[in-house]
PDB file of N, CA and C in Angstrom:
ATOM      1  N   MET A   1     130.299 117.249 124.039  1.00  0.00           N
ATOM      2  CA  MET A   1     129.017 116.743 124.505  1.00  0.00           C
ATOM      3  C   MET A   1     127.860 117.462 123.813  1.00  0.00           C
ATOM      4  N   LYS A   2     128.003 118.763 123.642  1.00  0.00           N
ATOM      5  CA  LYS A   2     126.957 119.537 123.011  1.00  0.00           C
ATOM      6  C   LYS A   2     126.776 119.113 121.548  1.00  0.00           C
ATOM      7  N   ARG A   3     127.877 118.795 120.894  1.00  0.00           N
ATOM      8  CA  ARG A   3     127.813 118.362 119.490  1.00  0.00           C
ATOM      9  C   ARG A   3     127.084 117.020 119.367  1.00  0.00           C
ATOM     10  N   ILE A   4     127.326 116.112 120.286  1.00  0.00           N
ATOM     11  CA  ILE A   4     126.656 114.814 120.270  1.00  0.00           C
ATOM     12  C   ILE A   4     125.153 114.991 120.471  1.00  0.00           C
ATOM     13  N   ALA A   5     124.783 115.853 121.396  1.00  0.00           N
ATOM     14  CA  ALA A   5     123.366 116.104 121.657  1.00  0.00           C
ATOM     15  C   ALA A   5     122.687 116.702 120.438  1.00  0.00           C
ATOM     16  N   THR A   6     123.357 117.617 119.764  1.00  0.00           N
ATOM     17  CA  THR A   6     122.800 118.231 118.564  1.00  0.00           C
ATOM     18  C   THR A   6     122.611 117.188 117.464  1.00  0.00           C
ATOM     19  N   CYS A   7     123.607 116.358 117.261  1.00  0.00           N
ATOM     20  CA  CYS A   7     123.501 115.301 116.249  1.00  0.00           C
ATOM     21  C   CYS A   7     122.386 114.324 116.586  1.00  0.00           C
ATOM     22  N   LEU A   8     122.253 113.998 117.849  1.00  0.00           N
ATOM     23  CA  LEU A   8     121.202 113.077 118.284  1.00  0.00           C
ATOM     24  C   LEU A   8     119.816 113.669 118.044  1.00  0.00           C
ATOM     25  N   LEU A   9     119.637 114.924 118.377  1.00  0.00           N
ATOM     26  CA  LEU A   9     118.345 115.577 118.165  1.00  0.00           C
ATOM     27  C   LEU A   9     118.008 115.684 116.680  1.00  0.00           C
ATOM     28  N   LEU A  10     118.981 116.009 115.857  1.00  0.00           N
ATOM     29  CA  LEU A  10     118.749 116.078 114.418  1.00  0.00           C
ATOM     30  C   LEU A  10     118.384 114.706 113.860  1.00  0.00           C
ATOM     31  N   SER A  11     119.068 113.685 114.327  1.00  0.00           N
ATOM     32  CA  SER A  11     118.784 112.323 113.870  1.00  0.00           C
ATOM     33  C   SER A  11     117.378 111.895 114.282  1.00  0.00           C
ATOM     34  N   LEU A  12     117.004 112.175 115.500  1.00  0.00           N
ATOM     35  CA  LEU A  12     115.662 111.828 115.970  1.00  0.00           C
ATOM     36  C   LEU A  12     114.587 112.578 115.196  1.00  0.00           C
ATOM     37  N   GLY A  13     114.845 113.824 114.901  1.00  0.00           N
ATOM     38  CA  GLY A  13     113.897 114.608 114.105  1.00  0.00           C
ATOM     39  C   GLY A  13     113.738 114.044 112.703  1.00  0.00           C
ATOM     40  N   PHE A  14     114.841 113.636 112.105  1.00  0.00           N
ATOM     41  CA  PHE A  14     114.793 113.055 110.765  1.00  0.00           C
ATOM     42  C   PHE A  14     114.016 111.746 110.772  1.00  0.00           C
ATOM     43  N   VAL A  15     114.288 110.899 111.750  1.00  0.00           N
ATOM     44  CA  VAL A  15     113.597 109.611 111.846  1.00  0.00           C
ATOM     45  C   VAL A  15     112.099 109.830 112.076  1.00  0.00           C
ATOM     46  N   ALA A  16     111.756 110.757 112.939  1.00  0.00           N
ATOM     47  CA  ALA A  16     110.348 111.035 113.220  1.00  0.00           C
ATOM     48  C   ALA A  16     109.626 111.538 111.970  1.00  0.00           C
ATOM     49  N   SER A  17     110.263 112.429 111.225  1.00  0.00           N
ATOM     50  CA  SER A  17     109.615 112.940 110.009  1.00  0.00           C
ATOM     51  C   SER A  17     109.502 111.850 108.954  1.00  0.00           C
ATOM     52  N   ALA A  18     110.495 110.976 108.862  1.00  0.00           N
ATOM     53  CA  ALA A  18     110.432 109.878 107.898  1.00  0.00           C
ATOM     54  C   ALA A  18     109.307 108.913 108.256  1.00  0.00           C
ATOM     55  N   LEU A  19     109.132 108.632 109.535  1.00  0.00           N
ATOM     56  CA  LEU A  19     108.060 107.720 109.958  1.00  0.00           C
ATOM     57  C   LEU A  19     106.684 108.322 109.714  1.00  0.00           C
ATOM     58  N   LEU A  20     106.537 109.601 110.007  1.00  0.00           N
ATOM     59  CA  LEU A  20     105.243 110.251 109.803  1.00  0.00           C
ATOM     60  C   LEU A  20     104.898 110.339 108.322  1.00  0.00           C
ATOM     61  N   THR A  21     105.883 110.576 107.488  1.00  0.00           N
ATOM     62  CA  THR A  21     105.654 110.613 106.049  1.00  0.00           C
ATOM     63  C   THR A  21     105.353 109.220 105.544  1.00  0.00           C
ATOM     64  N   GLY A  22     106.039 108.227 106.092  1.00  0.00           N
ATOM     65  CA  GLY A  22     105.845 106.845 105.669  1.00  0.00           C
ATOM     66  C   GLY A  22     104.438 106.346 105.936  1.00  0.00           C
ATOM     67  N   CYS A  23     103.787 106.851 106.945  1.00  0.00           N
ATOM     68  CA  CYS A  23     102.420 106.416 107.251  1.00  0.00           C
ATOM     69  C   CYS A  23     101.480 106.714 106.092  1.00  0.00           C
ATOM     70  N   ASN A  24     101.704 107.818 105.416  1.00  0.00           N
ATOM     71  CA  ASN A  24     100.847 108.188 104.293  1.00  0.00           C
ATOM     72  C   ASN A  24     101.175 107.393 103.037  1.00  0.00           C
ATOM     73  N   THR A  25     102.416 106.969 102.888  1.00  0.00           N
ATOM     74  CA  THR A  25     102.806 106.306 101.651  1.00  0.00           C
ATOM     75  C   THR A  25     102.728 104.788 101.733  1.00  0.00           C
ATOM     76  N   MET A  26     102.659 104.212 102.911  1.00  0.00           N
ATOM     77  CA  MET A  26     102.635 102.750 103.037  1.00  0.00           C
ATOM     78  C   MET A  26     101.393 102.161 102.366  1.00  0.00           C
ATOM     79  N   ARG A  27     100.293 102.842 102.434  1.00  0.00           N
ATOM     80  CA  ARG A  27      99.077 102.341 101.784  1.00  0.00           C
ATOM     81  C   ARG A  27      99.279 102.278 100.276  1.00  0.00           C
ATOM     82  N   GLY A  28      99.882 103.310  99.719  1.00  0.00           N
ATOM     83  CA  GLY A  28     100.150 103.332  98.284  1.00  0.00           C
ATOM     84  C   GLY A  28     101.142 102.254  97.872  1.00  0.00           C
ATOM     85  N   ILE A  29     102.158 102.036  98.694  1.00  0.00           N
ATOM     86  CA  ILE A  29     103.131 100.993  98.398  1.00  0.00           C
ATOM     87  C   ILE A  29     102.455  99.629  98.442  1.00  0.00           C
ATOM     88  N   GLY A  30     101.598  99.412  99.406  1.00  0.00           N
ATOM     89  CA  GLY A  30     100.874  98.147  99.509  1.00  0.00           C
ATOM     90  C   GLY A  30     100.012  97.889  98.283  1.00  0.00           C
ATOM     91  N   GLN A  31      99.370  98.925  97.791  1.00  0.00           N
ATOM     92  CA  GLN A  31      98.544  98.772  96.595  1.00  0.00           C
ATOM     93  C   GLN A  31      99.401  98.453  95.378  1.00  0.00           C
ATOM     94  N   ASP A  32     100.560  99.096  95.257  1.00  0.00           N
ATOM     95  CA  ASP A  32     101.460  98.819  94.136  1.00  0.00           C
ATOM     96  C   ASP A  32     101.961  97.388  94.178  1.00  0.00           C
ATOM     97  N   VAL A  33     102.322  96.918  95.351  1.00  0.00           N
ATOM     98  CA  VAL A  33     102.815  95.544  95.494  1.00  0.00           C
ATOM     99  C   VAL A  33     101.700  94.557  95.159  1.00  0.00           C
ATOM    100  N   GLN A  34     100.494  94.871  95.578  1.00  0.00           N
ATOM    101  CA  GLN A  34      99.364  93.992  95.291  1.00  0.00           C
ATOM    102  C   GLN A  34      99.110  93.923  93.785  1.00  0.00           C
ATOM    103  N   ARG A  35      99.170  95.049  93.108  1.00  0.00           N
ATOM    104  CA  ARG A  35      98.977  95.054  91.653  1.00  0.00           C
ATOM    105  C   ARG A  35     100.080  94.288  90.941  1.00  0.00           C
ATOM    106  N   ALA A  36     101.306  94.450  91.409  1.00  0.00           N
ATOM    107  CA  ALA A  36     102.424  93.717  90.802  1.00  0.00           C
ATOM    108  C   ALA A  36     102.236  92.207  90.999  1.00  0.00           C
ATOM    109  N   GLY A  37     101.797  91.809  92.175  1.00  0.00           N
ATOM    110  CA  GLY A  37     101.538  90.401  92.445  1.00  0.00           C
ATOM    111  C   GLY A  37     100.432  89.855  91.568  1.00  0.00           C
ATOM    112  N   SER A  38      99.398  90.642  91.347  1.00  0.00           N
ATOM    113  CA  SER A  38      98.304  90.224  90.475  1.00  0.00           C
ATOM    114  C   SER A  38      98.796  90.065  89.044  1.00  0.00           C
ATOM    115  N   ALA A  39      99.647  90.958  88.590  1.00  0.00           N
ATOM    116  CA  ALA A  39     100.180  90.872  87.232  1.00  0.00           C
ATOM    117  C   ALA A  39     101.016  89.603  87.063  1.00  0.00           C
ATOM    118  N   VAL A  40     101.834  89.292  88.062  1.00  0.00           N
ATOM    119  CA  VAL A  40     102.650  88.074  88.009  1.00  0.00           C
ATOM    120  C   VAL A  40     101.752  86.839  88.016  1.00  0.00           C
ATOM    121  N   GLU A  41     100.737  86.873  88.837  1.00  0.00           N
ATOM    122  CA  GLU A  41      99.800  85.737  88.921  1.00  0.00           C
ATOM    123  C   GLU A  41      99.080  85.528  87.594  1.00  0.00           C
ATOM    124  N   ASN A  42      98.628  86.634  86.991  1.00  0.00           N
ATOM    125  CA  ASN A  42      97.943  86.521  85.705  1.00  0.00           C
ATOM    126  C   ASN A  42      98.875  86.021  84.611  1.00  0.00           C
ATOM    127  N   ALA A  43     100.111  86.450  84.628  1.00  0.00           N
ATOM    128  CA  ALA A  43     101.088  85.981  83.639  1.00  0.00           C
ATOM    129  C   ALA A  43     101.367  84.504  83.822  1.00  0.00           C
ATOM    130  N   ALA A  44     101.376  84.036  85.060  1.00  0.00           N
ATOM    131  CA  ALA A  44     101.638  82.627  85.333  1.00  0.00           C
ATOM    132  C   ALA A  44     100.466  81.756  84.883  1.00  0.00           C
ATOM    133  N   LYS A  45      99.262  82.279  84.920  1.00  0.00           N
ATOM    134  CA  LYS A  45      98.077  81.511  84.515  1.00  0.00           C
ATOM    135  C   LYS A  45      98.021  81.313  83.007  1.00  0.00           C
ATOM    136  N   LYS A  46      98.650  82.219  82.251  1.00  0.00           N
ATOM    137  CA  LYS A  46      98.586  82.146  80.779  1.00  0.00           C
ATOM    138  C   LYS A  46      99.458  81.087  80.238  1.00  0.00           C
TER     139      LYS A  46
END
C-alpha cells in the first residue's frame, strides 16, 4: 500500500510540473503553429 501511495504522489507531482511548465510554452507553440499555417497559406496562393 505504501508503494502505491508513493507512486501515486510521484505521478501527481510529475503531472503538476508538466502542466505548470506547459502554461509557459503553449503561447510559443501557438505562435509556431500560426506561422506554419501562414507559410502554407502563402505557398498555396503562389
